[in-house]
Amino acid sequence: MPIRLVISLFSLTIASTLLTGCWQTQPHQSTLNLPSFNRPALSFMPWRALSFFSTGSRKGLDATPVGGKSPMHTAPQAYVTPADQMMGSMPETTPSQYNQRAQNQQIAQQDDIQPTAAPIHFEPHAVTPEVALRQLFQALAGQQRQSDLPFYNQASRDYLAAHPWRQAQMRYLLKRYQQCSIDKVLINQDRAVILYRSGQYQCTPWLFEHNQGWKIDLASYRQNFTLDKQNHWRFQSQIPAPYAFAFHDYSLDQHGYLVVPRWGIYTQGRMPIQITELAPSFPLAQMGLRMTDQPIAINGQLIEDDPHFHLLLNQLLPQQAIEIEVIRQGQRAFVNGVAPAWSHRY
């Protein structure tokens, strides 16, 4: 009868399950693991039960279960390198990330090999910051890792003695600056700064000190600059005082990025407000505004105090006409021009 046939098939399913999947034999011990009824293994279809519990019958299920659990209930495992196993760490990585980690380990091993290139002769006294920088790039390309090269200042030599170059670092630094173009070389007595063009964010400025020739201040470079996730440079905290002269026309945002101010003017007080700083290369100075001027109105609207003055300035659209009325040596005067572009990152 059909009912008896169904019961027979069901009995055969249970028997096959218990015989093939539930008995586990261990040395000197036999244990009976009762099947869990919330597992998909206990199907009413005999072939599904047999195919699941048969050893090696499904690709990927013949691995040893982690923690004694079924592979169907085990979270995906991380790819672990031999080095990770030795260190006792298990980073969660994908196969592609595993390959990248292997490449990084190979590079790190290569970094311990001494360079085979012949030593390069460098001029003992660089006459310009550009010459010192060119010598540095020659040393990087030639894998010259000595800390006493003539274009390093004393602080840089001390730093490199404790933190020597690695070959991967030297190659990476060269690659970063390949597409960069110098914008400005700023010199103030015994200090200098090389700035690259605006928008070339991968090219960190270089700092120099003059002591029997121009020398790279690599220690200050490492201490004051850092890179974000996009490898864009920024200041770690604030502009170092010996090199602040090169950044007077700029400001730092809350993340340490260099920002080109819109107006280049700083004021304080109530009417009449006082100009405390006026950048000579910015629009207001080029319009003819002077440090001794006292602004009283913008486009006919009277200025109430310092915040109101900057509010009126920032309400102007780029290329909008501007007329600033000032008190100059006791007389009224007018400064005319057009509003510059919005503030932007250098």
C-alpha atoms as a PDB file:
ATOM      1  CA  MET A   1       0.000   0.000   0.000  1.00  0.00           C
ATOM      2  CA  PRO A   2       1.176   3.573  -0.585  1.00  0.00           C
ATOM      3  CA  ILE A   3       1.155   4.384   3.133  1.00  0.00           C
ATOM      4  CA  ARG A   4       3.390   1.445   3.945  1.00  0.00           C
ATOM      5  CA  LEU A   5       5.752   2.491   1.139  1.00  0.00           C
ATOM      6  CA  VAL A   6       6.063   6.013   2.552  1.00  0.00           C
ATOM      7  CA  ILE A   7       6.742   4.673   6.049  1.00  0.00           C
ATOM      8  CA  SER A   8       9.403   2.342   4.667  1.00  0.00           C
ATOM      9  CA  LEU A   9      11.147   5.160   2.846  1.00  0.00           C
ATOM     10  CA  PHE A  10      11.087   7.311   5.974  1.00  0.00           C
ATOM     11  CA  SER A  11      12.540   4.492   8.080  1.00  0.00           C
ATOM     12  CA  LEU A  12      15.268   3.956   5.483  1.00  0.00           C
ATOM     13  CA  THR A  13      16.178   7.671   5.633  1.00  0.00           C
ATOM     14  CA  ILE A  14      16.524   7.654   9.427  1.00  0.00           C
ATOM     15  CA  ALA A  15      18.555   4.471   9.394  1.00  0.00           C
ATOM     16  CA  SER A  16      20.937   5.778   6.742  1.00  0.00           C
ATOM     17  CA  THR A  17      21.409   8.981   8.685  1.00  0.00           C
ATOM     18  CA  LEU A  18      22.272   7.238  11.927  1.00  0.00           C
ATOM     19  CA  LEU A  19      24.588   4.737  10.306  1.00  0.00           C
ATOM     20  CA  THR A  20      26.587   7.069   8.013  1.00  0.00           C
ATOM     21  CA  GLY A  21      26.573  10.456   9.711  1.00  0.00           C
ATOM     22  CA  CYS A  22      26.008  10.138  13.420  1.00  0.00           C
ATOM     23  CA  TRP A  23      28.502   7.563  14.685  1.00  0.00           C
ATOM     24  CA  GLN A  24      32.009   9.002  15.193  1.00  0.00           C
ATOM     25  CA  THR A  25      34.794   6.619  16.092  1.00  0.00           C
ATOM     26  CA  GLN A  26      37.719   7.919  18.168  1.00  0.00           C
ATOM     27  CA  PRO A  27      40.656   6.002  19.677  1.00  0.00           C
ATOM     28  CA  HIS A  28      39.567   4.015  22.725  1.00  0.00           C
ATOM     29  CA  GLN A  29      36.162   5.693  22.701  1.00  0.00           C
ATOM     30  CA  SER A  30      32.876   5.488  20.833  1.00  0.00           C
ATOM     31  CA  THR A  31      30.343   8.220  21.123  1.00  0.00           C
ATOM     32  CA  LEU A  32      26.885   8.629  19.760  1.00  0.00           C
ATOM     33  CA  ASN A  33      26.007  12.091  18.477  1.00  0.00           C
ATOM     34  CA  LEU A  34      22.288  12.395  18.131  1.00  0.00           C
ATOM     35  CA  PRO A  35      21.219  14.355  15.082  1.00  0.00           C
ATOM     36  CA  SER A  36      20.025  17.891  15.574  1.00  0.00           C
ATOM     37  CA  PHE A  37      16.573  18.343  14.132  1.00  0.00           C
ATOM     38  CA  ASN A  38      17.195  21.937  13.083  1.00  0.00           C
ATOM     39  CA  ARG A  39      19.824  20.871  10.581  1.00  0.00           C
ATOM     40  CA  PRO A  40      18.985  20.632   6.901  1.00  0.00           C
ATOM     41  CA  ALA A  41      20.542  17.132   6.887  1.00  0.00           C
ATOM     42  CA  LEU A  42      17.326  15.448   8.095  1.00  0.00           C
ATOM     43  CA  SER A  43      15.441  15.693   4.892  1.00  0.00           C
ATOM     44  CA  PHE A  44      12.515  13.529   4.021  1.00  0.00           C
ATOM     45  CA  MET A  45      14.216  12.781   0.706  1.00  0.00           C
ATOM     46  CA  PRO A  46      16.626   9.861   1.127  1.00  0.00           C
ATOM     47  CA  TRP A  47      19.049  10.917  -1.611  1.00  0.00           C
ATOM     48  CA  ARG A  48      19.481  14.389  -0.066  1.00  0.00           C
ATOM     49  CA  ALA A  49      20.249  12.903   3.344  1.00  0.00           C
ATOM     50  CA  LEU A  50      22.709  10.420   1.876  1.00  0.00           C
ATOM     51  CA  SER A  51      24.424  13.022  -0.307  1.00  0.00           C
ATOM     52  CA  PHE A  52      24.905  15.410   2.611  1.00  0.00           C
ATOM     53  CA  PHE A  53      26.286  12.904   5.108  1.00  0.00           C
ATOM     54  CA  SER A  54      28.377  10.865   2.677  1.00  0.00           C
ATOM     55  CA  THR A  55      32.061  11.619   3.063  1.00  0.00           C
ATOM     56  CA  GLY A  56      33.391  13.720   0.195  1.00  0.00           C
ATOM     57  CA  SER A  57      30.086  13.670  -1.671  1.00  0.00           C
ATOM     58  CA  ARG A  58      29.886  17.500  -1.793  1.00  0.00           C
ATOM     59  CA  LYS A  59      32.771  19.675  -2.827  1.00  0.00           C
ATOM     60  CA  GLY A  60      34.109  21.771   0.036  1.00  0.00           C
ATOM     61  CA  LEU A  61      32.450  19.756   2.814  1.00  0.00           C
ATOM     62  CA  ASP A  62      35.255  17.262   3.301  1.00  0.00           C
ATOM     63  CA  ALA A  63      37.364  19.706   5.310  1.00  0.00           C
ATOM     64  CA  THR A  64      37.784  19.149   9.039  1.00  0.00           C
ATOM     65  CA  PRO A  65      35.045  21.135  10.856  1.00  0.00           C
ATOM     66  CA  VAL A  66      36.284  23.936  13.097  1.00  0.00           C
ATOM     67  CA  GLY A  67      35.376  23.402  16.747  1.00  0.00           C
ATOM     68  CA  GLY A  68      33.574  20.158  15.931  1.00  0.00           C
ATOM     69  CA  LYS A  69      30.755  21.993  14.152  1.00  0.00           C
ATOM     70  CA  SER A  70      29.285  21.244  10.793  1.00  0.00           C
ATOM     71  CA  PRO A  71      30.855  23.232   7.930  1.00  0.00           C
ATOM     72  CA  MET A  72      27.379  24.486   7.101  1.00  0.00           C
ATOM     73  CA  HIS A  73      27.315  26.330  10.445  1.00  0.00           C
ATOM     74  CA  THR A  74      30.896  27.590  10.502  1.00  0.00           C
ATOM     75  CA  ALA A  75      31.758  31.212   9.652  1.00  0.00           C
ATOM     76  CA  PRO A  76      34.157  31.731   6.700  1.00  0.00           C
ATOM     77  CA  GLN A  77      37.738  31.425   7.853  1.00  0.00           C
ATOM     78  CA  ALA A  78      40.447  33.992   7.233  1.00  0.00           C
ATOM     79  CA  TYR A  79      43.413  33.332   4.972  1.00  0.00           C
ATOM     80  CA  VAL A  80      46.428  32.992   7.242  1.00  0.00           C
ATOM     81  CA  THR A  81      50.006  33.291   6.067  1.00  0.00           C
ATOM     82  CA  PRO A  82      52.801  31.259   7.687  1.00  0.00           C
ATOM     83  CA  ALA A  83      54.160  34.431   9.242  1.00  0.00           C
ATOM     84  CA  ASP A  84      50.734  35.168  10.737  1.00  0.00           C
ATOM     85  CA  GLN A  85      50.616  31.694  12.232  1.00  0.00           C
ATOM     86  CA  MET A  86      54.028  32.184  13.812  1.00  0.00           C
ATOM     87  CA  MET A  87      52.915  35.502  15.292  1.00  0.00           C
ATOM     88  CA  GLY A  88      49.639  34.048  16.493  1.00  0.00           C
ATOM     89  CA  SER A  89      47.497  36.498  14.494  1.00  0.00           C
ATOM     90  CA  MET A  90      44.675  35.727  12.089  1.00  0.00           C
ATOM     91  CA  PRO A  91      43.912  38.790   9.960  1.00  0.00           C
ATOM     92  CA  GLU A  92      40.667  38.652   8.038  1.00  0.00           C
ATOM     93  CA  THR A  93      41.821  38.949   4.448  1.00  0.00           C
ATOM     94  CA  THR A  94      40.553  37.988   1.033  1.00  0.00           C
ATOM     95  CA  PRO A  95      42.619  35.882  -1.414  1.00  0.00           C
ATOM     96  CA  SER A  96      43.681  39.025  -3.292  1.00  0.00           C
ATOM     97  CA  GLN A  97      44.743  40.681  -0.033  1.00  0.00           C
ATOM     98  CA  TYR A  98      46.647  37.515   0.848  1.00  0.00           C
ATOM     99  CA  ASN A  99      48.606  37.819  -2.408  1.00  0.00           C
ATOM    100  CA  GLN A 100      49.340  41.476  -1.631  1.00  0.00           C
ATOM    101  CA  ARG A 101      50.536  40.541   1.861  1.00  0.00           C
ATOM    102  CA  ALA A 102      52.867  37.943   0.337  1.00  0.00           C
ATOM    103  CA  GLN A 103      54.297  40.579  -2.013  1.00  0.00           C
ATOM    104  CA  ASN A 104      54.794  42.986   0.879  1.00  0.00           C
ATOM    105  CA  GLN A 105      56.607  40.300   2.859  1.00  0.00           C
ATOM    106  CA  GLN A 106      58.870  39.646  -0.133  1.00  0.00           C
ATOM    107  CA  ILE A 107      59.676  43.358  -0.402  1.00  0.00           C
ATOM    108  CA  ALA A 108      60.354  43.539   3.332  1.00  0.00           C
ATOM    109  CA  GLN A 109      62.791  40.666   3.029  1.00  0.00           C
ATOM    110  CA  GLN A 110      64.521  42.406   0.120  1.00  0.00           C
ATOM    111  CA  ASP A 111      64.857  45.552   2.231  1.00  0.00           C
ATOM    112  CA  ASP A 112      67.405  43.813   4.416  1.00  0.00           C
ATOM    113  CA  ILE A 113      69.776  43.373   1.460  1.00  0.00           C
ATOM    114  CA  GLN A 114      72.568  45.905   1.182  1.00  0.00           C
ATOM    115  CA  PRO A 115      72.597  47.972  -2.035  1.00  0.00           C
ATOM    116  CA  THR A 116      75.034  46.807  -4.663  1.00  0.00           C
ATOM    117  CA  ALA A 117      75.319  50.147  -6.502  1.00  0.00           C
ATOM    118  CA  ALA A 118      78.630  51.966  -6.273  1.00  0.00           C
ATOM    119  CA  PRO A 119      78.697  55.002  -3.945  1.00  0.00           C
ATOM    120  CA  ILE A 120      77.783  58.314  -5.599  1.00  0.00           C
ATOM    121  CA  HIS A 121      79.943  61.399  -5.139  1.00  0.00           C
ATOM    122  CA  PHE A 122      77.911  64.397  -3.958  1.00  0.00           C
ATOM    123  CA  GLU A 123      78.909  68.038  -3.795  1.00  0.00           C
ATOM    124  CA  PRO A 124      79.790  68.873  -0.177  1.00  0.00           C
ATOM    125  CA  HIS A 125      78.025  72.265  -0.224  1.00  0.00           C
ATOM    126  CA  ALA A 126      74.776  72.589  -2.183  1.00  0.00           C
ATOM    127  CA  VAL A 127      74.520  76.165  -3.461  1.00  0.00           C
ATOM    128  CA  THR A 128      70.699  76.120  -3.698  1.00  0.00           C
ATOM    129  CA  PRO A 129      67.869  74.095  -2.126  1.00  0.00           C
ATOM    130  CA  GLU A 130      67.136  72.658  -5.572  1.00  0.00           C
ATOM    131  CA  VAL A 131      70.672  71.232  -5.783  1.00  0.00           C
ATOM    132  CA  ALA A 132      70.301  69.580  -2.367  1.00  0.00           C
ATOM    133  CA  LEU A 133      66.960  68.077  -3.388  1.00  0.00           C
ATOM    134  CA  ARG A 134      68.406  66.779  -6.655  1.00  0.00           C
ATOM    135  CA  GLN A 135      71.192  65.083  -4.678  1.00  0.00           C
ATOM    136  CA  LEU A 136      68.618  63.416  -2.429  1.00  0.00           C
ATOM    137  CA  PHE A 137      66.770  61.979  -5.436  1.00  0.00           C
ATOM    138  CA  GLN A 138      70.070  60.722  -6.855  1.00  0.00           C
ATOM    139  CA  ALA A 139      70.779  58.986  -3.546  1.00  0.00           C
ATOM    140  CA  LEU A 140      67.313  57.408  -3.488  1.00  0.00           C
ATOM    141  CA  ALA A 141      67.680  56.148  -7.049  1.00  0.00           C
ATOM    142  CA  GLY A 142      71.134  54.729  -6.235  1.00  0.00           C
ATOM    143  CA  GLN A 143      69.906  53.114  -3.001  1.00  0.00           C
ATOM    144  CA  GLN A 144      72.420  55.139  -0.965  1.00  0.00           C
ATOM    145  CA  ARG A 145      71.213  54.748   2.626  1.00  0.00           C
ATOM    146  CA  GLN A 146      74.121  56.324   4.485  1.00  0.00           C
ATOM    147  CA  SER A 147      73.060  58.779   7.159  1.00  0.00           C
ATOM    148  CA  ASP A 148      76.131  61.016   6.760  1.00  0.00           C
ATOM    149  CA  LEU A 149      75.553  62.174   3.171  1.00  0.00           C
ATOM    150  CA  PRO A 150      76.498  65.865   2.779  1.00  0.00           C
ATOM    151  CA  PHE A 151      73.010  67.124   1.885  1.00  0.00           C
ATOM    152  CA  TYR A 152      71.490  66.061   5.253  1.00  0.00           C
ATOM    153  CA  ASN A 153      71.573  68.469   8.184  1.00  0.00           C
ATOM    154  CA  GLN A 154      72.692  67.212  11.589  1.00  0.00           C
ATOM    155  CA  ALA A 155      69.147  66.520  12.824  1.00  0.00           C
ATOM    156  CA  SER A 156      68.486  64.419   9.722  1.00  0.00           C
ATOM    157  CA  ARG A 157      71.691  62.453  10.232  1.00  0.00           C
ATOM    158  CA  ASP A 158      70.722  61.656  13.796  1.00  0.00           C
ATOM    159  CA  TYR A 159      67.252  60.638  12.668  1.00  0.00           C
ATOM    160  CA  LEU A 160      68.511  58.364   9.864  1.00  0.00           C
ATOM    161  CA  ALA A 161      71.057  56.777  12.187  1.00  0.00           C
ATOM    162  CA  ALA A 162      68.136  55.612  14.338  1.00  0.00           C
ATOM    163  CA  HIS A 163      65.642  55.072  11.485  1.00  0.00           C
ATOM    164  CA  PRO A 164      67.587  54.075   8.362  1.00  0.00           C
ATOM    165  CA  TRP A 165      66.021  54.125   4.934  1.00  0.00           C
ATOM    166  CA  ARG A 166      64.380  50.961   3.681  1.00  0.00           C
ATOM    167  CA  GLN A 167      64.602  50.175  -0.006  1.00  0.00           C
ATOM    168  CA  ALA A 168      60.814  50.050  -0.336  1.00  0.00           C
ATOM    169  CA  GLN A 169      60.585  53.536   1.206  1.00  0.00           C
ATOM    170  CA  MET A 170      63.185  54.896  -1.198  1.00  0.00           C
ATOM    171  CA  ARG A 171      61.394  53.485  -4.239  1.00  0.00           C
ATOM    172  CA  TYR A 172      58.036  54.714  -3.000  1.00  0.00           C
ATOM    173  CA  LEU A 173      59.314  58.249  -2.372  1.00  0.00           C
ATOM    174  CA  LEU A 174      60.826  58.467  -5.847  1.00  0.00           C
ATOM    175  CA  LYS A 175      57.590  57.274  -7.420  1.00  0.00           C
ATOM    176  CA  ARG A 176      55.537  59.849  -5.496  1.00  0.00           C
ATOM    177  CA  TYR A 177      57.522  62.796  -6.822  1.00  0.00           C
ATOM    178  CA  GLN A 178      57.883  61.674 -10.435  1.00  0.00           C
ATOM    179  CA  GLN A 179      54.865  63.654 -11.670  1.00  0.00           C
ATOM    180  CA  CYS A 180      55.409  66.752  -9.486  1.00  0.00           C
ATOM    181  CA  SER A 181      56.503  70.234 -10.586  1.00  0.00           C
ATOM    182  CA  ILE A 182      58.065  72.802  -8.254  1.00  0.00           C
ATOM    183  CA  ASP A 183      55.904  75.901  -7.784  1.00  0.00           C
ATOM    184  CA  LYS A 184      57.894  78.030  -5.317  1.00  0.00           C
ATOM    185  CA  VAL A 185      61.283  78.089  -3.625  1.00  0.00           C
ATOM    186  CA  LEU A 186      60.901  80.301  -0.558  1.00  0.00           C
ATOM    187  CA  ILE A 187      63.996  81.403   1.385  1.00  0.00           C
ATOM    188  CA  ASN A 188      64.223  83.269   4.672  1.00  0.00           C
ATOM    189  CA  GLN A 189      67.786  83.680   5.975  1.00  0.00           C
ATOM    190  CA  ASP A 190      68.999  80.163   6.837  1.00  0.00           C
ATOM    191  CA  ARG A 191      65.729  78.328   6.104  1.00  0.00           C
ATOM    192  CA  ALA A 192      64.026  77.394   2.838  1.00  0.00           C
ATOM    193  CA  VAL A 193      60.896  75.578   1.666  1.00  0.00           C
ATOM    194  CA  ILE A 194      60.135  74.033  -1.715  1.00  0.00           C
ATOM    195  CA  LEU A 195      56.404  73.959  -2.517  1.00  0.00           C
ATOM    196  CA  TYR A 196      54.907  71.991  -5.373  1.00  0.00           C
ATOM    197  CA  ARG A 197      52.051  73.165  -7.551  1.00  0.00           C
ATOM    198  CA  SER A 198      48.568  73.414  -6.113  1.00  0.00           C
ATOM    199  CA  GLY A 199      46.623  70.198  -6.536  1.00  0.00           C
ATOM    200  CA  GLN A 200      49.681  67.931  -6.500  1.00  0.00           C
ATOM    201  CA  TYR A 201      48.669  66.545  -3.134  1.00  0.00           C
ATOM    202  CA  GLN A 202      51.039  63.575  -3.216  1.00  0.00           C
ATOM    203  CA  CYS A 203      54.082  65.868  -3.184  1.00  0.00           C
ATOM    204  CA  THR A 204      54.916  66.994   0.344  1.00  0.00           C
ATOM    205  CA  PRO A 205      56.919  70.252   0.659  1.00  0.00           C
ATOM    206  CA  TRP A 206      60.630  69.948   1.397  1.00  0.00           C
ATOM    207  CA  LEU A 207      62.331  71.786   4.256  1.00  0.00           C
ATOM    208  CA  PHE A 208      65.936  73.017   4.196  1.00  0.00           C
ATOM    209  CA  GLU A 209      68.506  74.502   6.548  1.00  0.00           C
ATOM    210  CA  HIS A 210      71.604  76.454   5.460  1.00  0.00           C
ATOM    211  CA  ASN A 211      74.777  75.419   7.250  1.00  0.00           C
ATOM    212  CA  GLN A 212      77.819  75.376   4.971  1.00  0.00           C
ATOM    213  CA  GLY A 213      75.482  74.854   2.046  1.00  0.00           C
ATOM    214  CA  TRP A 214      71.794  73.982   1.818  1.00  0.00           C
ATOM    215  CA  LYS A 215      70.845  70.757   3.570  1.00  0.00           C
ATOM    216  CA  ILE A 216      67.578  68.867   3.763  1.00  0.00           C
ATOM    217  CA  ASP A 217      65.852  68.911   7.144  1.00  0.00           C
ATOM    218  CA  LEU A 218      64.480  65.389   6.863  1.00  0.00           C
ATOM    219  CA  ALA A 219      63.839  65.161  10.604  1.00  0.00           C
ATOM    220  CA  SER A 220      61.373  68.084  10.512  1.00  0.00           C
ATOM    221  CA  TYR A 221      59.875  66.641   7.324  1.00  0.00           C
ATOM    222  CA  ARG A 222      59.102  63.352   9.090  1.00  0.00           C
ATOM    223  CA  GLN A 223      57.916  64.997  12.308  1.00  0.00           C
ATOM    224  CA  ASN A 224      55.539  67.573  10.821  1.00  0.00           C
ATOM    225  CA  PHE A 225      54.018  65.968   7.727  1.00  0.00           C
ATOM    226  CA  THR A 226      51.868  62.888   7.338  1.00  0.00           C
ATOM    227  CA  LEU A 227      49.779  61.236   4.593  1.00  0.00           C
ATOM    228  CA  ASP A 228      46.066  60.453   4.591  1.00  0.00           C
ATOM    229  CA  LYS A 229      44.404  57.376   3.116  1.00  0.00           C
ATOM    230  CA  GLN A 230      44.665  58.871  -0.381  1.00  0.00           C
ATOM    231  CA  ASN A 231      48.386  59.563   0.149  1.00  0.00           C
ATOM    232  CA  HIS A 232      47.695  63.315   0.271  1.00  0.00           C
ATOM    233  CA  TRP A 233      50.012  65.266   2.529  1.00  0.00           C
ATOM    234  CA  ARG A 234      48.958  67.375   5.489  1.00  0.00           C
ATOM    235  CA  PHE A 235      50.460  68.800   8.672  1.00  0.00           C
ATOM    236  CA  GLN A 236      50.281  66.565  11.708  1.00  0.00           C
ATOM    237  CA  SER A 237      49.432  69.425  14.058  1.00  0.00           C
ATOM    238  CA  GLN A 238      50.713  72.902  13.223  1.00  0.00           C
ATOM    239  CA  ILE A 239      53.212  74.613  10.960  1.00  0.00           C
ATOM    240  CA  PRO A 240      56.732  74.415  12.470  1.00  0.00           C
ATOM    241  CA  ALA A 241      57.885  77.869  13.590  1.00  0.00           C
ATOM    242  CA  PRO A 242      61.229  77.968  11.675  1.00  0.00           C
ATOM    243  CA  TYR A 243      59.337  77.424   8.405  1.00  0.00           C
ATOM    244  CA  ALA A 244      56.187  79.438   9.104  1.00  0.00           C
ATOM    245  CA  PHE A 245      57.370  82.247   6.789  1.00  0.00           C
ATOM    246  CA  ALA A 246      56.629  80.056   3.759  1.00  0.00           C
ATOM    247  CA  PHE A 247      52.984  79.546   4.756  1.00  0.00           C
ATOM    248  CA  HIS A 248      51.951  83.065   5.795  1.00  0.00           C
ATOM    249  CA  ASP A 249      49.609  83.340   2.830  1.00  0.00           C
ATOM    250  CA  TYR A 250      47.788  80.157   3.802  1.00  0.00           C
ATOM    251  CA  SER A 251      45.890  78.675   6.710  1.00  0.00           C
ATOM    252  CA  LEU A 252      45.296  75.170   8.045  1.00  0.00           C
ATOM    253  CA  ASP A 253      41.898  73.546   8.272  1.00  0.00           C
ATOM    254  CA  GLN A 254      40.897  71.311  11.184  1.00  0.00           C
ATOM    255  CA  HIS A 255      42.549  68.278   9.547  1.00  0.00           C
ATOM    256  CA  GLY A 256      45.892  69.961   8.855  1.00  0.00           C
ATOM    257  CA  TYR A 257      45.415  70.558   5.124  1.00  0.00           C
ATOM    258  CA  LEU A 258      46.850  73.730   3.632  1.00  0.00           C
ATOM    259  CA  VAL A 259      44.078  76.125   2.550  1.00  0.00           C
ATOM    260  CA  VAL A 260      44.339  79.186   0.324  1.00  0.00           C
ATOM    261  CA  PRO A 261      42.327  81.926   2.088  1.00  0.00           C
ATOM    262  CA  ARG A 262      40.001  83.995  -0.029  1.00  0.00           C
ATOM    263  CA  TRP A 263      40.982  87.454   1.163  1.00  0.00           C
ATOM    264  CA  GLY A 264      44.274  87.190   3.039  1.00  0.00           C
ATOM    265  CA  ILE A 265      43.309  89.705   5.725  1.00  0.00           C
ATOM    266  CA  TYR A 266      42.980  89.505   9.499  1.00  0.00           C
ATOM    267  CA  THR A 267      41.252  92.150  11.604  1.00  0.00           C
ATOM    268  CA  GLN A 268      40.071  92.720  15.166  1.00  0.00           C
ATOM    269  CA  GLY A 269      37.949  95.056  17.306  1.00  0.00           C
ATOM    270  CA  ARG A 270      34.792  97.078  16.824  1.00  0.00           C
ATOM    271  CA  MET A 271      34.368 100.214  14.760  1.00  0.00           C
ATOM    272  CA  PRO A 272      36.781 101.313  13.597  1.00  0.00           C
ATOM    273  CA  ILE A 273      38.260  97.834  13.109  1.00  0.00           C
ATOM    274  CA  GLN A 274      42.020  97.386  12.936  1.00  0.00           C
ATOM    275  CA  ILE A 275      43.868  95.402  10.263  1.00  0.00           C
ATOM    276  CA  THR A 276      46.351  93.090  12.043  1.00  0.00           C
ATOM    277  CA  GLU A 277      47.680  91.198   9.020  1.00  0.00           C
ATOM    278  CA  LEU A 278      47.406  91.737   5.281  1.00  0.00           C
ATOM    279  CA  ALA A 279      48.942  89.201   2.881  1.00  0.00           C
ATOM    280  CA  PRO A 280      50.647  91.139   0.064  1.00  0.00           C
ATOM    281  CA  SER A 281      49.906  88.530  -2.618  1.00  0.00           C
ATOM    282  CA  PHE A 282      46.147  88.445  -1.980  1.00  0.00           C
ATOM    283  CA  PRO A 283      43.368  90.506  -3.594  1.00  0.00           C
ATOM    284  CA  LEU A 284      42.744  93.185  -0.959  1.00  0.00           C
ATOM    285  CA  ALA A 285      46.406  94.191  -0.798  1.00  0.00           C
ATOM    286  CA  GLN A 286      46.605  94.200  -4.586  1.00  0.00           C
ATOM    287  CA  MET A 287      43.521  96.448  -4.712  1.00  0.00           C
ATOM    288  CA  GLY A 288      45.425  98.997  -2.663  1.00  0.00           C
ATOM    289  CA  LEU A 289      44.267  98.332   0.909  1.00  0.00           C
ATOM    290  CA  ARG A 290      46.953  99.226   3.483  1.00  0.00           C
ATOM    291  CA  MET A 291      47.770  97.957   6.954  1.00  0.00           C
ATOM    292  CA  THR A 292      47.028 101.407   8.434  1.00  0.00           C
ATOM    293  CA  ASP A 293      43.596 101.673   6.788  1.00  0.00           C
ATOM    294  CA  GLN A 294      40.443 101.420   8.880  1.00  0.00           C
ATOM    295  CA  PRO A 295      37.565  99.886   6.848  1.00  0.00           C
ATOM    296  CA  ILE A 296      34.157 101.431   7.567  1.00  0.00           C
ATOM    297  CA  ALA A 297      31.906 100.220   4.727  1.00  0.00           C
ATOM    298  CA  ILE A 298      31.692  97.627   1.937  1.00  0.00           C
ATOM    299  CA  ASN A 299      29.603  98.509  -1.137  1.00  0.00           C
ATOM    300  CA  GLY A 300      27.891 101.229   0.898  1.00  0.00           C
ATOM    301  CA  GLN A 301      26.952  98.994   3.860  1.00  0.00           C
ATOM    302  CA  LEU A 302      28.432 100.144   7.172  1.00  0.00           C
ATOM    303  CA  ILE A 303      30.671  97.707   9.039  1.00  0.00           C
ATOM    304  CA  GLU A 304      29.581  96.995  12.630  1.00  0.00           C
ATOM    305  CA  ASP A 305      32.565  95.006  13.937  1.00  0.00           C
ATOM    306  CA  ASP A 306      35.220  92.489  12.958  1.00  0.00           C
ATOM    307  CA  PRO A 307      32.872  89.463  12.384  1.00  0.00           C
ATOM    308  CA  HIS A 308      30.476  91.649  10.380  1.00  0.00           C
ATOM    309  CA  PHE A 309      33.348  92.828   8.172  1.00  0.00           C
ATOM    310  CA  HIS A 310      34.255  89.249   7.205  1.00  0.00           C
ATOM    311  CA  LEU A 311      30.583  88.329   6.774  1.00  0.00           C
ATOM    312  CA  LEU A 312      30.152  91.130   4.213  1.00  0.00           C
ATOM    313  CA  LEU A 313      33.294  90.035   2.399  1.00  0.00           C
ATOM    314  CA  ASN A 314      32.271  86.382   2.189  1.00  0.00           C
ATOM    315  CA  GLN A 315      28.788  87.249   0.897  1.00  0.00           C
ATOM    316  CA  LEU A 316      30.363  88.600  -2.284  1.00  0.00           C
ATOM    317  CA  LEU A 317      30.321  86.254  -5.251  1.00  0.00           C
ATOM    318  CA  PRO A 318      33.494  85.633  -7.275  1.00  0.00           C
ATOM    319  CA  GLN A 319      34.142  88.440  -9.768  1.00  0.00           C
ATOM    320  CA  GLN A 320      31.538  90.657  -8.112  1.00  0.00           C
ATOM    321  CA  ALA A 321      32.535  94.329  -7.933  1.00  0.00           C
ATOM    322  CA  ILE A 322      33.649  95.538  -4.513  1.00  0.00           C
ATOM    323  CA  GLU A 323      34.205  98.998  -3.077  1.00  0.00           C
ATOM    324  CA  ILE A 324      35.689  99.327   0.407  1.00  0.00           C
ATOM    325  CA  GLU A 325      35.458 102.699   2.149  1.00  0.00           C
ATOM    326  CA  VAL A 326      38.298 103.302   4.619  1.00  0.00           C
ATOM    327  CA  ILE A 327      39.694 105.991   6.886  1.00  0.00           C
ATOM    328  CA  ARG A 328      43.268 106.658   5.734  1.00  0.00           C
ATOM    329  CA  GLN A 329      45.331 109.165   7.674  1.00  0.00           C
ATOM    330  CA  GLY A 330      42.149 110.889   8.868  1.00  0.00           C
ATOM    331  CA  GLN A 331      40.623 111.118   5.393  1.00  0.00           C
ATOM    332  CA  ARG A 332      38.031 109.022   3.592  1.00  0.00           C
ATOM    333  CA  ALA A 333      39.363 106.848   0.762  1.00  0.00           C
ATOM    334  CA  PHE A 334      38.012 104.083  -1.465  1.00  0.00           C
ATOM    335  CA  VAL A 335      39.535 100.777  -2.554  1.00  0.00           C
ATOM    336  CA  ASN A 336      37.990  99.148  -5.634  1.00  0.00           C
ATOM    337  CA  GLY A 337      38.303  95.742  -7.289  1.00  0.00           C
ATOM    338  CA  VAL A 338      36.533  92.410  -7.814  1.00  0.00           C
ATOM    339  CA  ALA A 339      35.928  89.591  -5.358  1.00  0.00           C
ATOM    340  CA  PRO A 340      38.280  86.593  -5.713  1.00  0.00           C
ATOM    341  CA  ALA A 341      37.381  82.912  -5.974  1.00  0.00           C
ATOM    342  CA  TRP A 342      36.220  80.967  -2.928  1.00  0.00           C
ATOM    343  CA  SER A 343      38.706  79.570  -0.432  1.00  0.00           C
ATOM    344  CA  HIS A 344      40.155  76.298  -1.628  1.00  0.00           C
ATOM    345  CA  ARG A 345      42.712  73.705  -0.711  1.00  0.00           C
ATOM    346  CA  TYR A 346      46.212  74.476  -1.919  1.00  0.00           C
END
